Amino acid sequence: MQVKRQKLKLGFGDRTTESKIKFREISRLFSSVTVIISTFGALAPATALGDSIGDRGIQASRLHQEPYNLLGRKIGIGQIEIGRPGKFGIDKLNIGDLLIAPHTVFFRDLQPKFNDNVDEHAGLVAEVMIANHKALQGVAPKARLYASAVGSLKEGGQPIECLTSQHIALQNGGDVRAINFSFGESLERDDRDFATLDGRALLTECIDWSARKHNVLYVIAGNQGKGGIPIPTDNYNGITTAYTTKRQGLFNKVDFANLSALPIGIGRSVIKKEINKGLRRAISLLAPGSQISLYNRKGELETVSGTSFAAPHITASVALLQEYGDRAIATSANKSLDSRRHEVMKAILLNSADKIRDAGDNLLLGMERTILNEQNQTWLDSDAYKNPRIPFDIQMGTGHLNAFRAYQQLSAGQNSPDSLVSPIGWDYRQVRVNSYRDYYLEQPLVAGSHAAITLAWDRLVLLNDRNQNGKYDVGETFRDRSLNNLDIYLMPASEKSSLRNTCSSLSSEDSAEHIFCPIPATGRYKIRVYYRRQMNEAVQPYALAWWTVSQKSSD
């Protein structure tokens, strides 16, 4: 994605000596630059990465501290770009490289060559995720990052990018929880006749296939700039992000560079090529991405902007949540592994997003900030708020990433529809076509409060596996089995008909439904997951997350 860079050269002294030290003397390099890097923190401006991961951004730094102590330990995450970050023992390292330590790096699905395909952009993206130094702390500094370079786009293309994605998904013993895409493909390079963003590009189908096959959440940098690189922003099974800029000290406004507007007015012909075909919205979540200060390989501070730097905030947040989830599994008598499901992560991240700042009475679910679109409108002004057939705002998705609120959503625990459910919770289950599951809330909901409910499930994409080896090979294709249609309703607990609901989300095109609506009267309610129309399998797995205000919790 586009990157705006403004180099801020800092007084690090003479780096010539260090740059001449040979690779065999790398241990001396580490000791000599320790003093230099120790000055980073003092010199870093107020707009450094700490802003975007702290209280002004996604609040991940709260999870780093006691009593949470979440740093992404042992959690595998991935990174795929044109280039890759440098790694000790493989590449000649510069000062900035010492801020990150990727677990393993590759060139496509191969071992990398010495100092080859090492890329500044990839290193900066990796810093957002795993930087681990007092001068610069990433979102998940202890996560295991597996990064691969696809190489020149002229020599590769979507088949190579798919092969690389599969390779990264199989790392960490086949247990990579999220993969970051801070790059993409242009429609002009797609070999289909009259290519559009309809989910049918090979790379997009590959992403949706891999999400199900390898149980990994793909986080895709959203499109920006004329022409753009929109493939695979038209995926169904992952998260696509737009980025925010700071306003009055907070990351709370969609940046003007995001191409996520309705195709009307001047430029509509260009915009049509950059957003999804039909009514399906591309953007599902916002994250900080404007004027992010990071250290380049030379140890200089650069100010960068773009969805390239929003996506890794989300990817690394998954590592924090997954560390908590694995810790909970290890200490619980209930050994359900459902918290590891990519659909669960997607539902939790989307449902816990900030929309409208709470006044302190918890009626707006304790949200931290009011998010504005490019026209300074809020989520309450959006068609997604008013129209049950549109789950996502075209610019804001469901709102702004808040890692701490996502932790609260996840830690509320899994609830089964077989018993009364808590005011905040989540579940992973299956539903059969032409039937539904009802989740009866244990406590009455408070009049005037809001409820947030998110349902996520997968598009079914199959591999045309010609050699029957269970893996994608270059030259193979995919088969789109389409998307089953699920809906969600919030209803009075005594009501039987879905038609007499309090609010609903009824999109026929999206792989997620989202409700954010006011409660008209204090009383008992239930959430209904309804499998309306079958396009492939008769039984559909789904993830559900909800956040409500009960009468008891508001007292």
Protein backbone atom coordinates (compact mmCIF):
# COMPACT_ATOMS: atom_id res chain seq x y z
CA MET A 1 0.00 0.00 0.00
CA GLN A 2 1.08 3.59 -0.40
CA VAL A 3 3.54 4.84 2.16
CA LYS A 4 4.21 8.47 2.97
CA ARG A 5 7.68 8.83 4.37
CA GLN A 6 9.34 11.74 6.07
CA LYS A 7 12.83 10.98 7.27
CA LEU A 8 13.74 12.43 10.63
CA LYS A 9 17.50 12.01 10.91
CA LEU A 10 18.55 11.73 14.50
CA GLY A 11 21.95 12.40 16.00
CA PHE A 12 23.15 8.84 16.45
CA GLY A 13 26.79 9.76 15.94
CA ASP A 14 29.14 8.15 13.47
CA ARG A 15 27.71 4.89 12.07
CA THR A 16 30.53 4.39 9.58
CA THR A 17 32.53 2.10 11.88
CA GLU A 18 29.58 -0.17 12.53
CA SER A 19 28.68 -0.37 8.84
CA LYS A 20 32.18 -1.65 8.00
CA ILE A 21 32.20 -4.44 10.53
CA LYS A 22 32.11 -7.78 8.77
CA PHE A 23 29.34 -10.32 9.28
CA ARG A 24 31.62 -12.68 11.25
CA GLU A 25 31.96 -9.91 13.83
CA ILE A 26 28.22 -9.55 14.32
CA SER A 27 28.53 -10.10 18.08
CA ARG A 28 30.65 -6.97 18.29
CA LEU A 29 28.01 -5.13 16.26
CA PHE A 30 25.34 -6.06 18.79
CA SER A 31 27.40 -4.80 21.70
CA SER A 32 28.47 -1.61 19.97
CA VAL A 33 25.01 -0.57 18.83
CA THR A 34 23.40 -1.25 22.19
CA VAL A 35 24.55 2.15 23.36
CA ILE A 36 23.26 3.77 20.19
CA ILE A 37 19.86 2.09 20.32
CA SER A 38 19.51 2.93 24.02
CA THR A 39 19.16 6.54 22.91
CA PHE A 40 16.18 5.76 20.65
CA GLY A 41 13.62 6.04 23.43
CA ALA A 42 14.81 9.45 24.59
CA LEU A 43 14.85 10.79 21.05
CA ALA A 44 11.56 9.32 19.89
CA PRO A 45 8.85 11.97 19.46
CA ALA A 46 5.37 11.82 20.93
CA THR A 47 4.07 10.42 17.64
CA ALA A 48 6.13 7.20 17.89
CA LEU A 49 4.58 3.73 17.74
CA GLY A 50 3.62 4.01 21.40
CA ASP A 51 0.77 6.31 20.40
CA SER A 52 -0.83 3.79 18.07
CA ILE A 53 -0.58 0.82 20.44
CA GLY A 54 -1.34 2.84 23.58
CA ASP A 55 -4.38 4.63 24.91
CA ARG A 56 -4.53 6.94 21.88
CA GLY A 57 -4.67 3.94 19.56
CA ILE A 58 -5.59 0.31 20.08
CA GLN A 59 -4.78 0.04 23.84
CA ALA A 60 -2.58 -3.02 23.35
CA SER A 61 0.01 -1.64 25.78
CA ARG A 62 -2.49 -2.16 28.62
CA LEU A 63 -2.40 -5.88 27.85
CA HIS A 64 1.41 -5.89 28.09
CA GLN A 65 1.19 -4.87 31.74
CA GLU A 66 0.11 -6.72 34.87
CA PRO A 67 -2.23 -8.36 35.56
CA TYR A 68 -2.66 -9.32 31.90
CA ASN A 69 0.99 -9.79 30.93
CA LEU A 70 0.16 -10.61 27.32
CA LEU A 71 2.99 -10.31 24.79
CA GLY A 72 2.07 -12.96 22.22
CA ARG A 73 4.34 -15.66 23.65
CA LYS A 74 4.64 -18.83 21.51
CA ILE A 75 1.93 -17.61 19.12
CA GLY A 76 2.77 -17.97 15.44
CA ILE A 77 1.84 -15.12 13.11
CA GLY A 78 2.80 -14.60 9.49
CA GLN A 79 3.89 -11.85 7.14
CA ILE A 80 3.84 -11.93 3.34
CA GLU A 81 5.13 -9.08 1.20
CA ILE A 82 7.23 -8.39 -1.86
CA GLY A 83 10.29 -8.30 0.41
CA ARG A 84 11.04 -9.54 3.90
CA PRO A 85 12.58 -8.26 7.13
CA GLY A 86 16.21 -9.06 7.87
CA LYS A 87 17.20 -11.83 10.26
CA PHE A 88 20.29 -12.40 12.35
CA GLY A 89 22.41 -15.28 11.05
CA ILE A 90 21.08 -14.93 7.51
CA ASP A 91 21.53 -11.30 6.56
CA LYS A 92 23.91 -8.42 7.09
CA LEU A 93 22.14 -6.46 9.79
CA ASN A 94 21.90 -2.71 10.11
CA ILE A 95 21.06 -0.86 13.30
CA GLY A 96 17.31 -0.80 12.76
CA ASP A 97 17.20 -4.55 12.14
CA LEU A 98 18.13 -5.15 15.78
CA LEU A 99 14.72 -3.96 16.93
CA ILE A 100 13.05 -7.08 15.47
CA ALA A 101 13.81 -10.78 15.54
CA PRO A 102 11.60 -12.73 13.14
CA HIS A 103 11.44 -16.39 14.03
CA THR A 104 12.00 -17.63 10.45
CA VAL A 105 12.25 -15.94 7.06
CA PHE A 106 11.75 -17.37 3.57
CA PHE A 107 11.82 -16.53 -0.09
CA ARG A 108 8.47 -17.84 -1.27
CA ASP A 109 8.48 -21.45 0.00
CA LEU A 110 12.28 -21.71 0.03
CA GLN A 111 15.14 -20.80 2.31
CA PRO A 112 16.29 -17.24 1.56
CA LYS A 113 19.64 -16.29 0.14
CA PHE A 114 22.04 -14.17 2.15
CA ASN A 115 20.94 -10.53 2.23
CA ASP A 116 18.52 -11.09 -0.67
CA ASN A 117 15.00 -9.59 -0.83
CA VAL A 118 15.52 -7.78 2.48
CA ASP A 119 13.12 -4.86 2.27
CA GLU A 120 12.71 -1.65 4.24
CA HIS A 121 8.91 -1.72 4.04
CA ALA A 122 8.72 -5.30 5.33
CA GLY A 123 10.99 -4.39 8.23
CA LEU A 124 8.79 -1.45 9.21
CA VAL A 125 5.65 -3.61 9.09
CA ALA A 126 7.40 -6.24 11.24
CA GLU A 127 8.29 -3.53 13.78
CA VAL A 128 4.61 -2.79 14.32
CA MET A 129 4.08 -6.45 15.17
CA ILE A 130 7.16 -7.66 17.03
CA ALA A 131 9.59 -4.81 17.82
CA ASN A 132 11.02 -5.69 21.22
CA HIS A 133 13.19 -2.94 22.63
CA LYS A 134 12.67 -0.27 25.26
CA ALA A 135 12.90 2.28 22.45
CA LEU A 136 10.21 0.65 20.37
CA GLN A 137 7.73 -1.98 21.48
CA GLY A 138 5.44 -3.63 18.97
CA VAL A 139 1.93 -4.91 19.57
CA ALA A 140 3.07 -8.49 20.27
CA PRO A 141 6.83 -8.36 20.98
CA LYS A 142 7.10 -12.03 21.94
CA ALA A 143 5.12 -13.50 19.03
CA ARG A 144 6.82 -15.84 16.56
CA LEU A 145 6.88 -14.09 13.21
CA TYR A 146 7.23 -16.18 10.05
CA ALA A 147 7.90 -13.87 7.11
CA SER A 148 8.31 -14.58 3.42
CA ALA A 149 9.14 -12.48 0.37
CA VAL A 150 7.27 -13.24 -2.84
CA GLY A 151 9.86 -11.32 -4.83
CA SER A 152 9.33 -9.13 -7.85
CA LEU A 153 5.72 -8.94 -8.98
CA LYS A 154 6.90 -9.12 -12.58
CA GLU A 155 8.33 -12.60 -11.97
CA GLY A 156 5.68 -14.02 -9.66
CA GLY A 157 2.04 -13.12 -9.56
CA GLN A 158 -0.95 -14.66 -7.85
CA PRO A 159 0.07 -18.35 -8.14
CA ILE A 160 3.39 -17.65 -6.39
CA GLU A 161 1.68 -15.48 -3.79
CA CYS A 162 -0.80 -18.29 -3.09
CA LEU A 163 2.02 -20.82 -2.76
CA THR A 164 3.81 -18.49 -0.35
CA SER A 165 0.65 -17.98 1.73
CA GLN A 166 0.20 -21.73 2.08
CA HIS A 167 3.84 -22.13 3.09
CA ILE A 168 3.55 -19.53 5.87
CA ALA A 169 0.24 -21.02 7.07
CA LEU A 170 1.99 -24.38 7.58
CA GLN A 171 4.73 -22.96 9.83
CA ASN A 172 4.90 -23.26 13.63
CA GLY A 173 3.88 -26.90 13.34
CA GLY A 174 0.86 -25.91 11.26
CA ASP A 175 -0.29 -23.52 13.97
CA VAL A 176 -0.11 -19.98 12.61
CA ARG A 177 -3.03 -17.96 13.97
CA ALA A 178 -2.97 -14.87 11.71
CA ILE A 179 -1.17 -13.79 8.53
CA ASN A 180 -0.52 -10.17 7.57
CA PHE A 181 -0.88 -8.98 3.95
CA SER A 182 0.54 -5.48 3.57
CA PHE A 183 0.57 -5.71 -0.20
CA GLY A 184 -1.72 -6.89 -2.98
CA GLU A 185 -2.32 -7.33 -6.69
CA SER A 186 -3.71 -4.89 -9.24
CA LEU A 187 -6.79 -5.74 -11.28
CA GLU A 188 -4.74 -4.85 -14.35
CA ARG A 189 -2.45 -7.81 -13.60
CA ASP A 190 -5.30 -10.28 -13.16
CA ASP A 191 -5.50 -12.64 -16.13
CA ARG A 192 -9.31 -12.89 -16.12
CA ASP A 193 -11.25 -11.10 -18.84
CA PHE A 194 -12.95 -7.98 -17.44
CA ALA A 195 -11.67 -8.70 -13.93
CA THR A 196 -13.66 -7.20 -11.05
CA LEU A 197 -13.52 -7.43 -7.26
CA ASP A 198 -15.99 -10.30 -7.09
CA GLY A 199 -13.94 -12.68 -4.95
CA ARG A 200 -12.98 -14.82 -7.96
CA ALA A 201 -9.32 -13.83 -8.41
CA LEU A 202 -7.02 -16.79 -7.78
CA LEU A 203 -5.28 -15.11 -4.83
CA THR A 204 -8.58 -14.13 -3.22
CA GLU A 205 -9.94 -17.66 -3.55
CA CYS A 206 -6.63 -18.97 -2.21
CA ILE A 207 -6.91 -16.77 0.89
CA ASP A 208 -10.45 -17.95 1.61
CA TRP A 209 -9.46 -21.58 0.99
CA SER A 210 -6.42 -21.32 3.26
CA ALA A 211 -8.41 -19.63 6.04
CA ARG A 212 -10.61 -22.74 6.29
CA LYS A 213 -7.95 -25.32 5.43
CA HIS A 214 -5.31 -24.00 7.84
CA ASN A 215 -7.57 -22.22 10.36
CA VAL A 216 -5.77 -18.90 10.05
CA LEU A 217 -7.14 -15.35 10.11
CA TYR A 218 -5.86 -13.34 7.14
CA VAL A 219 -5.58 -9.60 7.76
CA ILE A 220 -5.50 -7.69 4.48
CA ALA A 221 -4.35 -4.10 4.02
CA GLY A 222 -7.14 -2.15 2.36
CA ASN A 223 -6.86 -0.44 -0.99
CA GLN A 224 -5.69 3.14 -1.43
CA GLY A 225 -4.50 5.32 -4.30
CA LYS A 226 -5.47 5.44 -7.96
CA GLY A 227 -5.18 2.07 -9.65
CA GLY A 228 -4.40 0.51 -6.31
CA ILE A 229 -3.71 -3.08 -5.41
CA PRO A 230 -7.17 -4.29 -4.41
CA ILE A 231 -6.70 -8.07 -4.73
CA PRO A 232 -7.31 -9.79 -2.25
CA THR A 233 -9.30 -7.06 -0.45
CA ASP A 234 -12.38 -8.80 -1.88
CA ASN A 235 -11.86 -11.82 0.39
CA TYR A 236 -14.70 -13.17 2.52
CA ASN A 237 -13.03 -15.14 5.30
CA GLY A 238 -10.50 -12.62 6.57
CA ILE A 239 -10.42 -9.01 7.78
CA THR A 240 -9.73 -6.07 5.46
CA THR A 241 -8.70 -2.80 7.07
CA ALA A 242 -8.76 0.91 6.38
CA TYR A 243 -6.60 3.26 8.41
CA THR A 244 -7.19 6.12 10.79
CA THR A 245 -5.41 9.37 11.47
CA LYS A 246 -5.24 11.30 14.72
CA ARG A 247 -7.70 14.03 15.55
CA GLN A 248 -7.42 15.87 18.87
CA GLY A 249 -4.76 13.41 19.94
CA LEU A 250 -6.70 10.20 19.24
CA PHE A 251 -6.71 7.81 16.29
CA ASN A 252 -10.37 8.26 15.51
CA LYS A 253 -10.86 9.48 11.93
CA VAL A 254 -10.74 7.61 8.63
CA ASP A 255 -7.86 9.02 6.61
CA PHE A 256 -8.70 10.67 3.29
CA ALA A 257 -6.27 8.41 1.41
CA ASN A 258 -8.44 5.33 1.92
CA LEU A 259 -10.37 4.37 -1.21
CA SER A 260 -13.51 3.21 0.51
CA ALA A 261 -16.17 5.64 -0.65
CA LEU A 262 -19.43 4.98 -2.44
CA PRO A 263 -18.93 5.15 -6.25
CA ILE A 264 -20.67 8.47 -6.78
CA GLY A 265 -19.52 11.86 -8.04
CA ILE A 266 -16.13 12.66 -9.52
CA GLY A 267 -13.86 9.65 -9.71
CA ARG A 268 -16.65 7.08 -9.50
CA SER A 269 -15.22 5.07 -12.42
CA VAL A 270 -11.94 4.66 -10.55
CA ILE A 271 -13.64 3.89 -7.25
CA LYS A 272 -15.72 1.15 -8.88
CA LYS A 273 -12.48 -0.68 -9.66
CA GLU A 274 -11.32 -0.39 -6.06
CA ILE A 275 -14.34 -1.63 -4.07
CA ASN A 276 -16.23 -4.89 -4.05
CA LYS A 277 -18.72 -5.72 -6.74
CA GLY A 278 -22.34 -5.47 -5.66
CA LEU A 279 -23.48 -4.44 -2.18
CA ARG A 280 -20.79 -6.32 -0.27
CA ARG A 281 -18.54 -4.01 1.72
CA ALA A 282 -14.78 -4.57 1.78
CA ILE A 283 -13.67 -2.73 4.91
CA SER A 284 -14.42 -4.63 8.10
CA LEU A 285 -12.21 -2.89 10.70
CA LEU A 286 -10.18 0.28 11.22
CA ALA A 287 -6.72 0.55 12.77
CA PRO A 288 -4.10 3.30 13.17
CA GLY A 289 -2.05 3.95 10.04
CA SER A 290 -1.33 7.66 9.68
CA GLN A 291 1.94 9.31 10.66
CA ILE A 292 3.32 6.23 12.40
CA SER A 293 6.95 6.72 13.46
CA LEU A 294 9.23 3.71 13.03
CA TYR A 295 12.98 3.14 12.70
CA ASN A 296 14.37 2.26 9.30
CA ARG A 297 17.31 -0.09 8.80
CA LYS A 298 19.78 2.75 9.19
CA GLY A 299 18.38 3.65 12.59
CA GLU A 300 16.66 6.79 11.31
CA LEU A 301 13.15 7.62 12.39
CA GLU A 302 10.64 7.60 9.52
CA THR A 303 7.07 8.78 9.55
CA VAL A 304 4.97 6.41 7.48
CA SER A 305 1.30 6.20 6.56
CA GLY A 306 -0.94 3.65 4.89
CA THR A 307 -3.07 0.57 5.40
CA SER A 308 0.23 -1.33 5.29
CA PHE A 309 0.73 -0.20 8.88
CA ALA A 310 -2.88 -0.57 10.00
CA ALA A 311 -3.06 -4.28 9.14
CA PRO A 312 -0.16 -5.37 11.41
CA HIS A 313 -1.86 -3.71 14.39
CA ILE A 314 -4.71 -6.19 13.88
CA THR A 315 -2.53 -9.21 13.06
CA ALA A 316 -0.42 -8.78 16.18
CA SER A 317 -3.50 -8.14 18.34
CA VAL A 318 -4.59 -11.66 17.40
CA ALA A 319 -1.34 -12.93 18.97
CA LEU A 320 -2.18 -11.22 22.28
CA LEU A 321 -5.69 -12.66 22.29
CA GLN A 322 -4.44 -16.10 21.36
CA GLU A 323 -1.88 -16.10 24.16
CA TYR A 324 -4.71 -15.38 26.57
CA GLY A 325 -6.88 -18.06 24.95
CA ASP A 326 -4.15 -20.69 25.18
CA ARG A 327 -3.50 -19.76 28.80
CA ALA A 328 -7.20 -20.13 29.56
CA ILE A 329 -7.33 -23.53 27.82
CA ALA A 330 -4.32 -24.75 29.84
CA THR A 331 -5.89 -23.78 33.17
CA SER A 332 -9.52 -24.70 32.49
CA ALA A 333 -11.32 -27.98 33.03
CA ASN A 334 -13.15 -27.26 29.78
CA LYS A 335 -10.54 -27.96 27.09
CA SER A 336 -12.49 -26.53 24.18
CA LEU A 337 -10.12 -25.21 21.51
CA ASP A 338 -12.78 -23.02 19.93
CA SER A 339 -11.01 -19.80 20.93
CA ARG A 340 -8.38 -20.72 18.34
CA ARG A 341 -10.87 -20.64 15.49
CA HIS A 342 -10.27 -17.87 12.96
CA GLU A 343 -14.02 -17.19 12.78
CA VAL A 344 -14.05 -16.57 16.54
CA MET A 345 -11.15 -14.12 16.30
CA LYS A 346 -12.88 -12.28 13.48
CA ALA A 347 -16.19 -12.04 15.36
CA ILE A 348 -14.51 -10.86 18.56
CA LEU A 349 -12.36 -8.20 16.88
CA LEU A 350 -15.29 -6.82 14.90
CA ASN A 351 -17.79 -6.90 17.74
CA SER A 352 -15.54 -5.18 20.28
CA ALA A 353 -14.60 -2.31 17.96
CA ASP A 354 -15.06 1.30 19.12
CA LYS A 355 -17.86 3.30 17.46
CA ILE A 356 -19.34 5.93 19.80
CA ARG A 357 -17.76 7.18 23.02
CA ASP A 358 -19.62 6.06 26.12
CA ALA A 359 -20.78 8.85 28.46
CA GLY A 360 -19.72 6.87 31.52
CA ASP A 361 -23.08 5.18 32.13
CA ASN A 362 -22.10 2.06 30.13
CA LEU A 363 -25.13 2.44 27.86
CA LEU A 364 -22.77 2.51 24.86
CA LEU A 365 -20.91 -0.58 26.08
CA GLY A 366 -18.03 1.41 27.60
CA MET A 367 -16.62 2.34 24.18
CA GLU A 368 -13.52 4.52 24.33
CA ARG A 369 -13.94 6.96 21.42
CA THR A 370 -16.22 8.27 18.70
CA ILE A 371 -15.01 7.30 15.23
CA LEU A 372 -15.49 9.66 12.28
CA ASN A 373 -15.54 8.91 8.59
CA GLU A 374 -13.96 11.16 5.95
CA GLN A 375 -17.05 13.41 6.02
CA ASN A 376 -16.90 13.69 9.86
CA GLN A 377 -19.99 11.54 10.26
CA THR A 378 -20.29 8.90 12.98
CA TRP A 379 -21.43 5.29 12.80
CA LEU A 380 -24.87 6.46 13.90
CA ASP A 381 -25.14 8.39 10.62
CA SER A 382 -24.27 5.36 8.49
CA ASP A 383 -26.55 3.20 6.39
CA ALA A 384 -25.15 0.22 8.32
CA TYR A 385 -26.80 1.59 11.47
CA LYS A 386 -30.11 2.20 9.77
CA ASN A 387 -30.41 -0.61 7.22
CA PRO A 388 -30.48 -4.23 8.47
CA ARG A 389 -29.31 -5.45 5.06
CA ILE A 390 -25.99 -3.58 5.37
CA PRO A 391 -23.82 -4.89 8.24
CA PHE A 392 -20.68 -2.76 7.63
CA ASP A 393 -20.15 0.93 7.05
CA ILE A 394 -18.36 1.36 3.72
CA GLN A 395 -15.55 3.41 5.31
CA MET A 396 -15.50 2.25 8.93
CA GLY A 397 -16.54 -1.40 8.82
CA THR A 398 -17.76 -2.14 12.36
CA GLY A 399 -15.51 0.50 13.89
CA HIS A 400 -11.98 0.91 15.26
CA LEU A 401 -9.78 -1.85 16.63
CA ASN A 402 -9.49 -1.83 20.42
CA ALA A 403 -7.28 -4.70 21.57
CA PHE A 404 -8.20 -4.27 25.22
CA ARG A 405 -11.93 -4.39 24.50
CA ALA A 406 -11.30 -7.46 22.32
CA TYR A 407 -9.61 -9.05 25.33
CA GLN A 408 -12.66 -8.21 27.45
CA GLN A 409 -14.90 -9.79 24.80
CA LEU A 410 -12.81 -12.97 24.63
CA SER A 411 -12.25 -13.28 28.38
CA ALA A 412 -16.00 -13.11 29.00
CA GLY A 413 -15.94 -16.73 27.88
CA GLN A 414 -17.67 -19.16 25.60
CA ASN A 415 -21.41 -19.60 26.19
CA SER A 416 -23.60 -22.41 24.91
CA PRO A 417 -27.17 -21.91 23.67
CA ASP A 418 -28.09 -24.93 25.78
CA SER A 419 -28.17 -22.68 28.86
CA LEU A 420 -28.70 -19.01 29.70
CA VAL A 421 -25.87 -16.84 28.43
CA SER A 422 -24.01 -13.94 30.05
CA PRO A 423 -24.37 -10.28 28.91
CA ILE A 424 -20.99 -10.47 27.15
CA GLY A 425 -19.76 -13.64 25.48
CA TRP A 426 -19.03 -15.64 22.37
CA ASP A 427 -19.59 -19.08 20.90
CA TYR A 428 -18.50 -21.36 18.07
CA ARG A 429 -21.12 -23.82 16.87
CA GLN A 430 -23.03 -25.20 13.87
CA VAL A 431 -26.51 -24.62 12.53
CA ARG A 432 -28.50 -26.63 10.01
CA VAL A 433 -30.25 -25.09 7.01
CA ASN A 434 -33.79 -23.80 7.62
CA SER A 435 -33.25 -23.92 11.37
CA TYR A 436 -31.89 -21.64 14.07
CA ARG A 437 -30.17 -21.48 17.43
CA ASP A 438 -31.46 -19.19 20.17
CA TYR A 439 -29.21 -17.70 22.86
CA TYR A 440 -31.33 -16.56 25.82
CA LEU A 441 -29.65 -13.75 27.77
CA GLU A 442 -29.62 -14.48 31.47
CA GLN A 443 -30.33 -10.92 32.66
CA PRO A 444 -32.81 -8.32 31.41
CA LEU A 445 -31.29 -5.70 29.09
CA VAL A 446 -31.51 -2.02 29.99
CA ALA A 447 -33.71 0.37 28.01
CA GLY A 448 -31.65 3.01 26.22
CA SER A 449 -28.53 0.87 26.10
CA HIS A 450 -27.08 -0.59 22.91
CA ALA A 451 -26.35 -4.17 21.92
CA ALA A 452 -23.48 -5.22 19.65
CA ILE A 453 -23.72 -8.65 18.01
CA THR A 454 -21.50 -10.12 15.29
CA LEU A 455 -21.84 -13.37 13.36
CA ALA A 456 -19.01 -14.69 11.15
CA TRP A 457 -18.78 -17.74 8.91
CA ASP A 458 -16.79 -18.86 5.87
CA ARG A 459 -17.29 -18.89 2.15
CA LEU A 460 -16.58 -22.42 0.93
CA VAL A 461 -13.71 -22.54 -1.56
CA LEU A 462 -12.31 -25.90 -2.64
CA LEU A 463 -8.95 -26.71 -4.20
CA ASN A 464 -8.97 -28.43 -7.58
CA ASP A 465 -6.20 -30.72 -6.37
CA ARG A 466 -5.00 -32.37 -9.59
CA ASN A 467 -2.23 -34.44 -8.00
CA GLN A 468 -4.24 -35.21 -4.85
CA ASN A 469 -1.44 -34.20 -2.48
CA GLY A 470 -3.67 -32.06 -0.29
CA LYS A 471 -1.73 -28.88 -1.08
CA TYR A 472 -1.88 -26.08 -3.58
CA ASP A 473 0.63 -26.37 -6.41
CA VAL A 474 1.33 -23.71 -9.01
CA GLY A 475 -0.98 -24.36 -11.96
CA GLU A 476 -3.88 -25.59 -9.84
CA THR A 477 -7.10 -23.65 -9.42
CA PHE A 478 -9.93 -23.27 -6.93
CA ARG A 479 -13.67 -23.81 -7.05
CA ASP A 480 -15.99 -21.32 -5.40
CA ARG A 481 -18.88 -23.17 -3.74
CA SER A 482 -20.31 -19.78 -2.75
CA LEU A 483 -21.62 -18.55 0.57
CA ASN A 484 -24.46 -19.88 2.66
CA ASN A 485 -26.79 -17.14 3.91
CA LEU A 486 -27.04 -16.71 7.69
CA ASP A 487 -28.85 -13.94 9.58
CA ILE A 488 -28.95 -12.75 13.18
CA TYR A 489 -31.77 -11.26 15.23
CA LEU A 490 -32.16 -9.69 18.64
CA MET A 491 -35.64 -10.55 19.87
CA PRO A 492 -37.77 -10.45 23.01
CA ALA A 493 -37.17 -13.72 24.84
CA SER A 494 -40.81 -14.77 24.56
CA GLU A 495 -41.09 -14.04 20.84
CA LYS A 496 -41.18 -16.98 18.42
CA SER A 497 -41.30 -15.26 15.04
CA SER A 498 -38.10 -13.75 13.65
CA LEU A 499 -40.24 -11.14 11.91
CA ARG A 500 -41.09 -9.54 15.25
CA ASN A 501 -37.52 -8.71 16.18
CA THR A 502 -36.00 -5.74 17.96
CA CYS A 503 -33.21 -5.49 15.40
CA SER A 504 -31.52 -7.70 12.84
CA SER A 505 -28.71 -8.07 10.31
CA LEU A 506 -29.87 -9.64 7.06
CA SER A 507 -27.21 -9.22 4.39
CA SER A 508 -27.47 -11.71 1.55
CA GLU A 509 -23.93 -11.05 0.27
CA ASP A 510 -21.61 -10.81 3.27
CA SER A 511 -19.88 -13.55 5.27
CA ALA A 512 -20.56 -11.63 8.47
CA GLU A 513 -23.58 -9.99 10.05
CA HIS A 514 -23.38 -7.16 12.55
CA ILE A 515 -25.95 -5.55 14.82
CA PHE A 516 -25.48 -2.33 16.77
CA CYS A 517 -28.85 -1.15 17.94
CA PRO A 518 -30.68 0.49 20.88
CA ILE A 519 -32.75 -1.48 23.37
CA PRO A 520 -36.28 0.00 23.35
CA ALA A 521 -37.50 -1.42 26.67
CA THR A 522 -35.99 -3.12 29.70
CA GLY A 523 -36.70 -6.82 29.51
CA ARG A 524 -35.50 -10.30 28.63
CA TYR A 525 -34.06 -10.86 25.15
CA LYS A 526 -32.51 -13.59 23.03
CA ILE A 527 -30.14 -13.73 20.06
CA ARG A 528 -31.17 -15.91 17.12
CA VAL A 529 -28.75 -17.33 14.53
CA TYR A 530 -30.79 -18.40 11.53
CA TYR A 531 -29.52 -20.40 8.53
CA ARG A 532 -31.72 -18.99 5.79
CA ARG A 533 -30.44 -20.21 2.41
CA GLN A 534 -28.16 -23.10 1.44
CA MET A 535 -25.55 -22.62 -1.29
CA ASN A 536 -23.20 -25.49 -0.37
CA GLU A 537 -23.21 -27.62 2.77
CA ALA A 538 -26.38 -28.20 4.81
CA VAL A 539 -24.57 -27.64 8.12
CA GLN A 540 -22.74 -24.33 8.59
CA PRO A 541 -20.15 -23.63 11.35
CA TYR A 542 -20.27 -20.08 12.70
CA ALA A 543 -18.79 -17.80 15.35
CA LEU A 544 -20.98 -15.46 17.38
CA ALA A 545 -19.94 -12.61 19.69
CA TRP A 546 -22.24 -10.32 21.67
CA TRP A 547 -21.90 -7.39 24.07
CA THR A 548 -24.96 -6.12 25.91
CA VAL A 549 -25.80 -4.16 29.06
CA SER A 550 -27.76 -6.15 31.61
CA GLN A 551 -29.90 -4.67 34.35
CA LYS A 552 -27.64 -6.26 36.95
CA SER A 553 -24.37 -4.97 35.47
CA SER A 554 -25.71 -1.41 35.17
CA ASP A 555 -26.79 -1.20 38.84
